[in-house]
ModelCIF file with pLDDT and N, C-alpha, C, O atoms, coordinates in Angstrom:
data_MODEL
#
_entry.id   MODEL 
#
_entity.id                         1 
_entity.type                       polymer 
_entity.pdbx_number_of_molecules   1 
#
_entity_poly.entity_id                      1 
_entity_poly.type                           'polypeptide(L)' 
_entity_poly.nstd_linkage                   no 
_entity_poly.nstd_monomer                   no 
_entity_poly.pdbx_seq_one_letter_code       PNKYGDNLTNIRATVAYVNRYKKYIDGFEEGRIFNGFRFVYPLFSEEK 
_entity_poly.pdbx_seq_one_letter_code_can   PNKYGDNLTNIRATVAYVNRYKKYIDGFEEGRIFNGFRFVYPLFSEEK 
_entity_poly.pdbx_strand_id                 A 
#
loop_
_entity_poly_seq.entity_id 
_entity_poly_seq.num 
_entity_poly_seq.mon_id 
_entity_poly_seq.hetero 
1 1  PRO n 
1 2  ASN n 
1 3  LYS n 
1 4  TYR n 
1 5  GLY n 
1 6  ASP n 
1 7  ASN n 
1 8  LEU n 
1 9  THR n 
1 10 ASN n 
1 11 ILE n 
1 12 ARG n 
1 13 ALA n 
1 14 THR n 
1 15 VAL n 
1 16 ALA n 
1 17 TYR n 
1 18 VAL n 
1 19 ASN n 
1 20 ARG n 
1 21 TYR n 
1 22 LYS n 
1 23 LYS n 
1 24 TYR n 
1 25 ILE n 
1 26 ASP n 
1 27 GLY n 
1 28 PHE n 
1 29 GLU n 
1 30 GLU n 
1 31 GLY n 
1 32 ARG n 
1 33 ILE n 
1 34 PHE n 
1 35 ASN n 
1 36 GLY n 
1 37 PHE n 
1 38 ARG n 
1 39 PHE n 
1 40 VAL n 
1 41 TYR n 
1 42 PRO n 
1 43 LEU n 
1 44 PHE n 
1 45 SER n 
1 46 GLU n 
1 47 GLU n 
1 48 LYS n 
#
_struct_asym.id          A 
_struct_asym.entity_id   1 
#
loop_
_ma_qa_metric.id 
_ma_qa_metric.mode 
_ma_qa_metric.name 
_ma_qa_metric.software_group_id 
_ma_qa_metric.type 
1 global pLDDT . pLDDT 
2 local  pLDDT . pLDDT 
#
_ma_qa_metric_global.metric_id      1 
_ma_qa_metric_global.metric_value   92.27 
_ma_qa_metric_global.model_id       1 
_ma_qa_metric_global.ordinal_id     1 
#
loop_
_ma_qa_metric_local.label_asym_id 
_ma_qa_metric_local.label_comp_id 
_ma_qa_metric_local.label_seq_id 
_ma_qa_metric_local.metric_id 
_ma_qa_metric_local.metric_value 
_ma_qa_metric_local.model_id 
_ma_qa_metric_local.ordinal_id 
A PRO 1  2 93.00 1 1  
A ASN 2  2 92.00 1 2  
A LYS 3  2 91.00 1 3  
A TYR 4  2 92.00 1 4  
A GLY 5  2 91.00 1 5  
A ASP 6  2 91.00 1 6  
A ASN 7  2 93.00 1 7  
A LEU 8  2 92.00 1 8  
A THR 9  2 93.00 1 9  
A ASN 10 2 89.00 1 10 
A ILE 11 2 88.00 1 11 
A ARG 12 2 91.00 1 12 
A ALA 13 2 93.00 1 13 
A THR 14 2 94.00 1 14 
A VAL 15 2 95.00 1 15 
A ALA 16 2 95.00 1 16 
A TYR 17 2 96.00 1 17 
A VAL 18 2 96.00 1 18 
A ASN 19 2 95.00 1 19 
A ARG 20 2 95.00 1 20 
A TYR 21 2 96.00 1 21 
A LYS 22 2 96.00 1 22 
A LYS 23 2 96.00 1 23 
A TYR 24 2 96.00 1 24 
A ILE 25 2 96.00 1 25 
A ASP 26 2 95.00 1 26 
A GLY 27 2 94.00 1 27 
A PHE 28 2 93.00 1 28 
A GLU 29 2 91.00 1 29 
A GLU 30 2 88.00 1 30 
A GLY 31 2 84.00 1 31 
A ARG 32 2 82.00 1 32 
A ILE 33 2 80.00 1 33 
A PHE 34 2 80.00 1 34 
A ASN 35 2 87.00 1 35 
A GLY 36 2 89.00 1 36 
A PHE 37 2 94.00 1 37 
A ARG 38 2 94.00 1 38 
A PHE 39 2 96.00 1 39 
A VAL 40 2 97.00 1 40 
A TYR 41 2 97.00 1 41 
A PRO 42 2 97.00 1 42 
A LEU 43 2 96.00 1 43 
A PHE 44 2 96.00 1 44 
A SER 45 2 93.00 1 45 
A GLU 46 2 89.00 1 46 
A GLU 47 2 90.00 1 47 
A LYS 48 2 92.00 1 48 
#
loop_
_atom_site.group_PDB 
_atom_site.id 
_atom_site.type_symbol 
_atom_site.label_atom_id 
_atom_site.label_alt_id 
_atom_site.label_comp_id 
_atom_site.label_asym_id 
_atom_site.label_entity_id 
_atom_site.label_seq_id 
_atom_site.pdbx_PDB_ins_code 
_atom_site.Cartn_x 
_atom_site.Cartn_y 
_atom_site.Cartn_z 
_atom_site.occupancy 
_atom_site.B_iso_or_equiv 
_atom_site.pdbx_formal_charge 
_atom_site.auth_seq_id 
_atom_site.auth_comp_id 
_atom_site.auth_asym_id 
_atom_site.auth_atom_id 
_atom_site.pdbx_PDB_model_num 
ATOM 1   N N  . PRO A 1 1  ? -11.265 -5.202  -7.296 1.00 93.00 ? 1  PRO A N  1 
ATOM 2   C CA . PRO A 1 1  ? -12.438 -5.870  -6.717 1.00 93.00 ? 1  PRO A CA 1 
ATOM 3   C C  . PRO A 1 1  ? -12.319 -7.383  -6.668 1.00 93.00 ? 1  PRO A C  1 
ATOM 4   O O  . PRO A 1 1  ? -13.060 -8.028  -5.926 1.00 93.00 ? 1  PRO A O  1 
ATOM 5   N N  . ASN A 1 2  ? -11.411 -7.967  -7.435 1.00 92.00 ? 2  ASN A N  1 
ATOM 6   C CA . ASN A 1 2  ? -11.267 -9.425  -7.449 1.00 92.00 ? 2  ASN A CA 1 
ATOM 7   C C  . ASN A 1 2  ? -10.379 -9.937  -6.313 1.00 92.00 ? 2  ASN A C  1 
ATOM 8   O O  . ASN A 1 2  ? -10.292 -11.146 -6.101 1.00 92.00 ? 2  ASN A O  1 
ATOM 9   N N  . LYS A 1 3  ? -9.721  -9.037  -5.584 1.00 91.00 ? 3  LYS A N  1 
ATOM 10  C CA . LYS A 1 3  ? -8.874  -9.453  -4.470 1.00 91.00 ? 3  LYS A CA 1 
ATOM 11  C C  . LYS A 1 3  ? -9.558  -9.082  -3.159 1.00 91.00 ? 3  LYS A C  1 
ATOM 12  O O  . LYS A 1 3  ? -9.652  -7.907  -2.804 1.00 91.00 ? 3  LYS A O  1 
ATOM 13  N N  . TYR A 1 4  ? -10.032 -10.095 -2.450 1.00 92.00 ? 4  TYR A N  1 
ATOM 14  C CA . TYR A 1 4  ? -10.740 -9.868  -1.190 1.00 92.00 ? 4  TYR A CA 1 
ATOM 15  C C  . TYR A 1 4  ? -10.585 -11.107 -0.316 1.00 92.00 ? 4  TYR A C  1 
ATOM 16  O O  . TYR A 1 4  ? -10.058 -12.129 -0.757 1.00 92.00 ? 4  TYR A O  1 
ATOM 17  N N  . GLY A 1 5  ? -11.047 -11.005 0.923  1.00 91.00 ? 5  GLY A N  1 
ATOM 18  C CA . GLY A 1 5  ? -11.048 -12.147 1.830  1.00 91.00 ? 5  GLY A CA 1 
ATOM 19  C C  . GLY A 1 5  ? -9.792  -12.303 2.656  1.00 91.00 ? 5  GLY A C  1 
ATOM 20  O O  . GLY A 1 5  ? -9.794  -13.089 3.603  1.00 91.00 ? 5  GLY A O  1 
ATOM 21  N N  . ASP A 1 6  ? -8.682  -11.569 2.337  1.00 91.00 ? 6  ASP A N  1 
ATOM 22  C CA . ASP A 1 6  ? -7.456  -11.693 3.116  1.00 91.00 ? 6  ASP A CA 1 
ATOM 23  C C  . ASP A 1 6  ? -7.562  -10.866 4.395  1.00 91.00 ? 6  ASP A C  1 
ATOM 24  O O  . ASP A 1 6  ? -8.140  -9.779  4.404  1.00 91.00 ? 6  ASP A O  1 
ATOM 25  N N  . ASN A 1 7  ? -6.998  -11.399 5.465  1.00 93.00 ? 7  ASN A N  1 
ATOM 26  C CA . ASN A 1 7  ? -7.062  -10.708 6.749  1.00 93.00 ? 7  ASN A CA 1 
ATOM 27  C C  . ASN A 1 7  ? -5.899  -9.716  6.863  1.00 93.00 ? 7  ASN A C  1 
ATOM 28  O O  . ASN A 1 7  ? -4.746  -10.059 6.602  1.00 93.00 ? 7  ASN A O  1 
ATOM 29  N N  . LEU A 1 8  ? -6.224  -8.486  7.256  1.00 92.00 ? 8  LEU A N  1 
ATOM 30  C CA . LEU A 1 8  ? -5.249  -7.390  7.264  1.00 92.00 ? 8  LEU A CA 1 
ATOM 31  C C  . LEU A 1 8  ? -4.706  -7.080  8.660  1.00 92.00 ? 8  LEU A C  1 
ATOM 32  O O  . LEU A 1 8  ? -4.013  -6.080  8.846  1.00 92.00 ? 8  LEU A O  1 
ATOM 33  N N  . THR A 1 9  ? -5.013  -7.919  9.629  1.00 93.00 ? 9  THR A N  1 
ATOM 34  C CA . THR A 1 9  ? -4.643  -7.599  11.024 1.00 93.00 ? 9  THR A CA 1 
ATOM 35  C C  . THR A 1 9  ? -3.154  -7.339  11.172 1.00 93.00 ? 9  THR A C  1 
ATOM 36  O O  . THR A 1 9  ? -2.764  -6.374  11.829 1.00 93.00 ? 9  THR A O  1 
ATOM 37  N N  . ASN A 1 10 ? -2.311  -8.179  10.577 1.00 89.00 ? 10 ASN A N  1 
ATOM 38  C CA . ASN A 1 10 ? -0.860  -8.044  10.724 1.00 89.00 ? 10 ASN A CA 1 
ATOM 39  C C  . ASN A 1 10 ? -0.222  -7.254  9.584  1.00 89.00 ? 10 ASN A C  1 
ATOM 40  O O  . ASN A 1 10 ? 0.996   -7.084  9.541  1.00 89.00 ? 10 ASN A O  1 
ATOM 41  N N  . ILE A 1 11 ? -1.060  -6.771  8.655  1.00 88.00 ? 11 ILE A N  1 
ATOM 42  C CA . ILE A 1 11 ? -0.544  -6.040  7.492  1.00 88.00 ? 11 ILE A CA 1 
ATOM 43  C C  . ILE A 1 11 ? -0.874  -4.556  7.600  1.00 88.00 ? 11 ILE A C  1 
ATOM 44  O O  . ILE A 1 11 ? -0.023  -3.703  7.348  1.00 88.00 ? 11 ILE A O  1 
ATOM 45  N N  . ARG A 1 12 ? -2.106  -4.257  7.972  1.00 91.00 ? 12 ARG A N  1 
ATOM 46  C CA . ARG A 1 12 ? -2.583  -2.877  7.984  1.00 91.00 ? 12 ARG A CA 1 
ATOM 47  C C  . ARG A 1 12 ? -2.918  -2.459  9.410  1.00 91.00 ? 12 ARG A C  1 
ATOM 48  O O  . ARG A 1 12 ? -4.031  -2.675  9.888  1.00 91.00 ? 12 ARG A O  1 
ATOM 49  N N  . ALA A 1 13 ? -1.943  -1.861  10.080 1.00 93.00 ? 13 ALA A N  1 
ATOM 50  C CA . ALA A 1 13 ? -2.109  -1.457  11.475 1.00 93.00 ? 13 ALA A CA 1 
ATOM 51  C C  . ALA A 1 13 ? -3.227  -0.434  11.640 1.00 93.00 ? 13 ALA A C  1 
ATOM 52  O O  . ALA A 1 13 ? -3.908  -0.418  12.665 1.00 93.00 ? 13 ALA A O  1 
ATOM 53  N N  . THR A 1 14 ? -3.419  0.417   10.638 1.00 94.00 ? 14 THR A N  1 
ATOM 54  C CA . THR A 1 14 ? -4.463  1.445   10.750 1.00 94.00 ? 14 THR A CA 1 
ATOM 55  C C  . THR A 1 14 ? -5.851  0.817   10.756 1.00 94.00 ? 14 THR A C  1 
ATOM 56  O O  . THR A 1 14 ? -6.728  1.237   11.511 1.00 94.00 ? 14 THR A O  1 
ATOM 57  N N  . VAL A 1 15 ? -6.044  -0.193  9.908  1.00 95.00 ? 15 VAL A N  1 
ATOM 58  C CA . VAL A 1 15 ? -7.340  -0.873  9.856  1.00 95.00 ? 15 VAL A CA 1 
ATOM 59  C C  . VAL A 1 15 ? -7.613  -1.579  11.192 1.00 95.00 ? 15 VAL A C  1 
ATOM 60  O O  . VAL A 1 15 ? -8.709  -1.482  11.746 1.00 95.00 ? 15 VAL A O  1 
ATOM 61  N N  . ALA A 1 16 ? -6.596  -2.291  11.697 1.00 95.00 ? 16 ALA A N  1 
ATOM 62  C CA . ALA A 1 16 ? -6.755  -2.980  12.977 1.00 95.00 ? 16 ALA A CA 1 
ATOM 63  C C  . ALA A 1 16 ? -7.056  -1.990  14.106 1.00 95.00 ? 16 ALA A C  1 
ATOM 64  O O  . ALA A 1 16 ? -7.868  -2.269  14.988 1.00 95.00 ? 16 ALA A O  1 
ATOM 65  N N  . TYR A 1 17 ? -6.398  -0.841  14.065 1.00 96.00 ? 17 TYR A N  1 
ATOM 66  C CA . TYR A 1 17 ? -6.609  0.186   15.087 1.00 96.00 ? 17 TYR A CA 1 
ATOM 67  C C  . TYR A 1 17 ? -8.047  0.695   15.060 1.00 96.00 ? 17 TYR A C  1 
ATOM 68  O O  . TYR A 1 17 ? -8.692  0.778   16.105 1.00 96.00 ? 17 TYR A O  1 
ATOM 69  N N  . VAL A 1 18 ? -8.560  1.039   13.865 1.00 96.00 ? 18 VAL A N  1 
ATOM 70  C CA . VAL A 1 18 ? -9.915  1.606   13.749 1.00 96.00 ? 18 VAL A CA 1 
ATOM 71  C C  . VAL A 1 18 ? -10.963 0.588   14.170 1.00 96.00 ? 18 VAL A C  1 
ATOM 72  O O  . VAL A 1 18 ? -11.913 0.932   14.873 1.00 96.00 ? 18 VAL A O  1 
ATOM 73  N N  . ASN A 1 19 ? -10.799 -0.670  13.745 1.00 95.00 ? 19 ASN A N  1 
ATOM 74  C CA . ASN A 1 19 ? -11.791 -1.690  14.105 1.00 95.00 ? 19 ASN A CA 1 
ATOM 75  C C  . ASN A 1 19 ? -11.725 -2.060  15.589 1.00 95.00 ? 19 ASN A C  1 
ATOM 76  O O  . ASN A 1 19 ? -12.724 -2.478  16.175 1.00 95.00 ? 19 ASN A O  1 
ATOM 77  N N  . ARG A 1 20 ? -10.559 -1.905  16.182 1.00 95.00 ? 20 ARG A N  1 
ATOM 78  C CA . ARG A 1 20 ? -10.430 -2.229  17.598 1.00 95.00 ? 20 ARG A CA 1 
ATOM 79  C C  . ARG A 1 20 ? -10.974 -1.109  18.486 1.00 95.00 ? 20 ARG A C  1 
ATOM 80  O O  . ARG A 1 20 ? -11.739 -1.353  19.419 1.00 95.00 ? 20 ARG A O  1 
ATOM 81  N N  . TYR A 1 21 ? -10.562 0.127   18.176 1.00 96.00 ? 21 TYR A N  1 
ATOM 82  C CA . TYR A 1 21 ? -10.928 1.248   19.044 1.00 96.00 ? 21 TYR A CA 1 
ATOM 83  C C  . TYR A 1 21 ? -12.121 2.046   18.522 1.00 96.00 ? 21 TYR A C  1 
ATOM 84  O O  . TYR A 1 21 ? -12.653 2.921   19.206 1.00 96.00 ? 21 TYR A O  1 
ATOM 85  N N  . LYS A 1 22 ? -12.535 1.717   17.267 1.00 96.00 ? 22 LYS A N  1 
ATOM 86  C CA . LYS A 1 22 ? -13.693 2.396   16.643 1.00 96.00 ? 22 LYS A CA 1 
ATOM 87  C C  . LYS A 1 22 ? -13.459 3.910   16.585 1.00 96.00 ? 22 LYS A C  1 
ATOM 88  O O  . LYS A 1 22 ? -14.365 4.711   16.813 1.00 96.00 ? 22 LYS A O  1 
ATOM 89  N N  . LYS A 1 23 ? -12.194 4.273   16.267 1.00 96.00 ? 23 LYS A N  1 
ATOM 90  C CA . LYS A 1 23 ? -11.801 5.677   16.133 1.00 96.00 ? 23 LYS A CA 1 
ATOM 91  C C  . LYS A 1 23 ? -11.139 5.894   14.779 1.00 96.00 ? 23 LYS A C  1 
ATOM 92  O O  . LYS A 1 23 ? -10.496 5.000   14.230 1.00 96.00 ? 23 LYS A O  1 
ATOM 93  N N  . TYR A 1 24 ? -11.310 7.093   14.261 1.00 96.00 ? 24 TYR A N  1 
ATOM 94  C CA . TYR A 1 24 ? -10.697 7.484   12.987 1.00 96.00 ? 24 TYR A CA 1 
ATOM 95  C C  . TYR A 1 24 ? -9.174  7.619   13.142 1.00 96.00 ? 24 TYR A C  1 
ATOM 96  O O  . TYR A 1 24 ? -8.688  7.991   14.209 1.00 96.00 ? 24 TYR A O  1 
ATOM 97  N N  . ILE A 1 25 ? -8.430  7.316   12.079 1.00 96.00 ? 25 ILE A N  1 
ATOM 98  C CA . ILE A 1 25 ? -6.973  7.520   12.076 1.00 96.00 ? 25 ILE A CA 1 
ATOM 99  C C  . ILE A 1 25 ? -6.536  7.815   10.648 1.00 96.00 ? 25 ILE A C  1 
ATOM 100 O O  . ILE A 1 25 ? -7.200  7.407   9.696  1.00 96.00 ? 25 ILE A O  1 
ATOM 101 N N  . ASP A 1 26 ? -5.426  8.520   10.499 1.00 95.00 ? 26 ASP A N  1 
ATOM 102 C CA . ASP A 1 26 ? -4.911  8.798   9.152  1.00 95.00 ? 26 ASP A CA 1 
ATOM 103 C C  . ASP A 1 26 ? -3.392  8.823   9.178  1.00 95.00 ? 26 ASP A C  1 
ATOM 104 O O  . ASP A 1 26 ? -2.774  9.015   10.225 1.00 95.00 ? 26 ASP A O  1 
ATOM 105 N N  . GLY A 1 27 ? -2.802  8.624   8.005  1.00 94.00 ? 27 GLY A N  1 
ATOM 106 C CA . GLY A 1 27 ? -1.348  8.646   7.865  1.00 94.00 ? 27 GLY A CA 1 
ATOM 107 C C  . GLY A 1 27 ? -0.893  7.779   6.706  1.00 94.00 ? 27 GLY A C  1 
ATOM 108 O O  . GLY A 1 27 ? -1.701  7.131   6.041  1.00 94.00 ? 27 GLY A O  1 
ATOM 109 N N  . PHE A 1 28 ? 0.435   7.775   6.471  1.00 93.00 ? 28 PHE A N  1 
ATOM 110 C CA . PHE A 1 28 ? 0.989   6.955   5.384  1.00 93.00 ? 28 PHE A CA 1 
ATOM 111 C C  . PHE A 1 28 ? 1.147   5.514   5.861  1.00 93.00 ? 28 PHE A C  1 
ATOM 112 O O  . PHE A 1 28 ? 1.553   5.257   6.995  1.00 93.00 ? 28 PHE A O  1 
ATOM 113 N N  . GLU A 1 29 ? 0.809   4.557   4.946  1.00 91.00 ? 29 GLU A N  1 
ATOM 114 C CA . GLU A 1 29 ? 0.978   3.154   5.281  1.00 91.00 ? 29 GLU A CA 1 
ATOM 115 C C  . GLU A 1 29 ? 1.117   2.332   4.008  1.00 91.00 ? 29 GLU A C  1 
ATOM 116 O O  . GLU A 1 29 ? 0.455   2.605   3.006  1.00 91.00 ? 29 GLU A O  1 
ATOM 117 N N  . GLU A 1 30 ? 1.978   1.328   4.054  1.00 88.00 ? 30 GLU A N  1 
ATOM 118 C CA . GLU A 1 30 ? 2.126   0.366   2.959  1.00 88.00 ? 30 GLU A CA 1 
ATOM 119 C C  . GLU A 1 30 ? 1.039   -0.698  3.090  1.00 88.00 ? 30 GLU A C  1 
ATOM 120 O O  . GLU A 1 30 ? 0.695   -1.109  4.198  1.00 88.00 ? 30 GLU A O  1 
ATOM 121 N N  . GLY A 1 31 ? 0.504   -1.141  1.957  1.00 84.00 ? 31 GLY A N  1 
ATOM 122 C CA . GLY A 1 31 ? -0.521  -2.181  1.965  1.00 84.00 ? 31 GLY A CA 1 
ATOM 123 C C  . GLY A 1 31 ? -0.073  -3.403  1.179  1.00 84.00 ? 31 GLY A C  1 
ATOM 124 O O  . GLY A 1 31 ? 1.111   -3.573  0.887  1.00 84.00 ? 31 GLY A O  1 
ATOM 125 N N  . ARG A 1 32 ? -1.035  -4.246  0.843  1.00 82.00 ? 32 ARG A N  1 
ATOM 126 C CA . ARG A 1 32 ? -0.708  -5.454  0.073  1.00 82.00 ? 32 ARG A CA 1 
ATOM 127 C C  . ARG A 1 32 ? -0.518  -5.153  -1.405 1.00 82.00 ? 32 ARG A C  1 
ATOM 128 O O  . ARG A 1 32 ? 0.194   -5.875  -2.103 1.00 82.00 ? 32 ARG A O  1 
ATOM 129 N N  . ILE A 1 33 ? -1.156  -4.084  -1.885 1.00 80.00 ? 33 ILE A N  1 
ATOM 130 C CA . ILE A 1 33 ? -1.068  -3.742  -3.309 1.00 80.00 ? 33 ILE A CA 1 
ATOM 131 C C  . ILE A 1 33 ? -0.412  -2.384  -3.501 1.00 80.00 ? 33 ILE A C  1 
ATOM 132 O O  . ILE A 1 33 ? 0.557   -2.254  -4.249 1.00 80.00 ? 33 ILE A O  1 
ATOM 133 N N  . PHE A 1 34 ? -0.938  -1.383  -2.828 1.00 80.00 ? 34 PHE A N  1 
ATOM 134 C CA . PHE A 1 34 ? -0.430  -0.028  -2.963 1.00 80.00 ? 34 PHE A CA 1 
ATOM 135 C C  . PHE A 1 34 ? -0.071  0.535   -1.591 1.00 80.00 ? 34 PHE A C  1 
ATOM 136 O O  . PHE A 1 34 ? -0.604  0.110   -0.566 1.00 80.00 ? 34 PHE A O  1 
ATOM 137 N N  . ASN A 1 35 ? 0.829   1.483   -1.601 1.00 87.00 ? 35 ASN A N  1 
ATOM 138 C CA . ASN A 1 35 ? 1.008   2.336   -0.429 1.00 87.00 ? 35 ASN A CA 1 
ATOM 139 C C  . ASN A 1 35 ? 0.178   3.590   -0.645 1.00 87.00 ? 35 ASN A C  1 
ATOM 140 O O  . ASN A 1 35 ? -0.372  3.791   -1.728 1.00 87.00 ? 35 ASN A O  1 
ATOM 141 N N  . GLY A 1 36 ? 0.084   4.416   0.352  1.00 89.00 ? 36 GLY A N  1 
ATOM 142 C CA . GLY A 1 36 ? -0.655  5.650   0.162  1.00 89.00 ? 36 GLY A CA 1 
ATOM 143 C C  . GLY A 1 36 ? -0.863  6.388   1.462  1.00 89.00 ? 36 GLY A C  1 
ATOM 144 O O  . GLY A 1 36 ? -0.577  5.887   2.550  1.00 89.00 ? 36 GLY A O  1 
ATOM 145 N N  . PHE A 1 37 ? -1.374  7.601   1.312  1.00 94.00 ? 37 PHE A N  1 
ATOM 146 C CA . PHE A 1 37 ? -1.776  8.389   2.471  1.00 94.00 ? 37 PHE A CA 1 
ATOM 147 C C  . PHE A 1 37 ? -3.228  8.028   2.754  1.00 94.00 ? 37 PHE A C  1 
ATOM 148 O O  . PHE A 1 37 ? -4.126  8.367   1.983  1.00 94.00 ? 37 PHE A O  1 
ATOM 149 N N  . ARG A 1 38 ? -3.446  7.339   3.864  1.00 94.00 ? 38 ARG A N  1 
ATOM 150 C CA . ARG A 1 38 ? -4.713  6.671   4.122  1.00 94.00 ? 38 ARG A CA 1 
ATOM 151 C C  . ARG A 1 38 ? -5.490  7.388   5.217  1.00 94.00 ? 38 ARG A C  1 
ATOM 152 O O  . ARG A 1 38 ? -4.937  7.840   6.219  1.00 94.00 ? 38 ARG A O  1 
ATOM 153 N N  . PHE A 1 39 ? -6.792  7.472   4.983  1.00 96.00 ? 39 PHE A N  1 
ATOM 154 C CA . PHE A 1 39 ? -7.713  8.076   5.945  1.00 96.00 ? 39 PHE A CA 1 
ATOM 155 C C  . PHE A 1 39 ? -8.781  7.019   6.236  1.00 96.00 ? 39 PHE A C  1 
ATOM 156 O O  . PHE A 1 39 ? -9.644  6.755   5.399  1.00 96.00 ? 39 PHE A O  1 
ATOM 157 N N  . VAL A 1 40 ? -8.717  6.415   7.431  1.00 97.00 ? 40 VAL A N  1 
ATOM 158 C CA . VAL A 1 40 ? -9.534  5.250   7.766  1.00 97.00 ? 40 VAL A CA 1 
ATOM 159 C C  . VAL A 1 40 ? -10.601 5.657   8.781  1.00 97.00 ? 40 VAL A C  1 
ATOM 160 O O  . VAL A 1 40 ? -10.315 6.249   9.822  1.00 97.00 ? 40 VAL A O  1 
ATOM 161 N N  . TYR A 1 41 ? -11.875 5.306   8.424  1.00 97.00 ? 41 TYR A N  1 
ATOM 162 C CA . TYR A 1 41 ? -13.018 5.716   9.247  1.00 97.00 ? 41 TYR A CA 1 
ATOM 163 C C  . TYR A 1 41 ? -13.772 4.477   9.743  1.00 97.00 ? 41 TYR A C  1 
ATOM 164 O O  . TYR A 1 41 ? -13.930 3.518   8.988  1.00 97.00 ? 41 TYR A O  1 
ATOM 165 N N  . PRO A 1 42 ? -14.239 4.479   10.996 1.00 97.00 ? 42 PRO A N  1 
ATOM 166 C CA . PRO A 1 42 ? -15.127 3.407   11.454 1.00 97.00 ? 42 PRO A CA 1 
ATOM 167 C C  . PRO A 1 42 ? -16.523 3.610   10.867 1.00 97.00 ? 42 PRO A C  1 
ATOM 168 O O  . PRO A 1 42 ? -16.947 4.743   10.643 1.00 97.00 ? 42 PRO A O  1 
ATOM 169 N N  . LEU A 1 43 ? -17.241 2.501   10.617 1.00 96.00 ? 43 LEU A N  1 
ATOM 170 C CA . LEU A 1 43 ? -18.594 2.567   10.068 1.00 96.00 ? 43 LEU A CA 1 
ATOM 171 C C  . LEU A 1 43 ? -19.577 1.983   11.087 1.00 96.00 ? 43 LEU A C  1 
ATOM 172 O O  . LEU A 1 43 ? -19.290 0.980   11.740 1.00 96.00 ? 43 LEU A O  1 
ATOM 173 N N  . PHE A 1 44 ? -20.724 2.620   11.209 1.00 96.00 ? 44 PHE A N  1 
ATOM 174 C CA . PHE A 1 44 ? -21.738 2.203   12.157 1.00 96.00 ? 44 PHE A CA 1 
ATOM 175 C C  . PHE A 1 44 ? -23.096 2.138   11.462 1.00 96.00 ? 44 PHE A C  1 
ATOM 176 O O  . PHE A 1 44 ? -23.389 2.921   10.559 1.00 96.00 ? 44 PHE A O  1 
ATOM 177 N N  . SER A 1 45 ? -23.917 1.186   11.906 1.00 93.00 ? 45 SER A N  1 
ATOM 178 C CA . SER A 1 45 ? -25.286 1.087   11.389 1.00 93.00 ? 45 SER A CA 1 
ATOM 179 C C  . SER A 1 45 ? -26.131 2.190   12.002 1.00 93.00 ? 45 SER A C  1 
ATOM 180 O O  . SER A 1 45 ? -25.669 2.959   12.845 1.00 93.00 ? 45 SER A O  1 
ATOM 181 N N  . GLU A 1 46 ? -27.394 2.251   11.553 1.00 89.00 ? 46 GLU A N  1 
ATOM 182 C CA . GLU A 1 46 ? -28.288 3.271   12.100 1.00 89.00 ? 46 GLU A CA 1 
ATOM 183 C C  . GLU A 1 46 ? -28.507 3.061   13.594 1.00 89.00 ? 46 GLU A C  1 
ATOM 184 O O  . GLU A 1 46 ? -28.825 4.004   14.318 1.00 89.00 ? 46 GLU A O  1 
ATOM 185 N N  . GLU A 1 47 ? -28.337 1.828   14.051 1.00 90.00 ? 47 GLU A N  1 
ATOM 186 C CA . GLU A 1 47 ? -28.489 1.534   15.478 1.00 90.00 ? 47 GLU A CA 1 
ATOM 187 C C  . GLU A 1 47 ? -27.179 1.758   16.241 1.00 90.00 ? 47 GLU A C  1 
ATOM 188 O O  . GLU A 1 47 ? -27.043 1.335   17.389 1.00 90.00 ? 47 GLU A O  1 
ATOM 189 N N  . LYS A 1 48 ? -26.223 2.423   15.596 1.00 92.00 ? 48 LYS A N  1 
ATOM 190 C CA . LYS A 1 48 ? -24.923 2.740   16.196 1.00 92.00 ? 48 LYS A CA 1 
ATOM 191 C C  . LYS A 1 48 ? -24.091 1.490   16.486 1.00 92.00 ? 48 LYS A C  1 
ATOM 192 O O  . LYS A 1 48 ? -22.973 1.595   16.990 1.00 92.00 ? 48 LYS A O  1 
#
């Protein structure tokens, strides 16, 4: 929780993909701290 504020655009392709296309994606990816099998979901407010 103490590591935040860094931009992941060029590090985490899955995050950039979900935020750009607002679509779910999953698969293995290396990150800044850990690698893992990642399941990334777009989030929407009640107003969509």
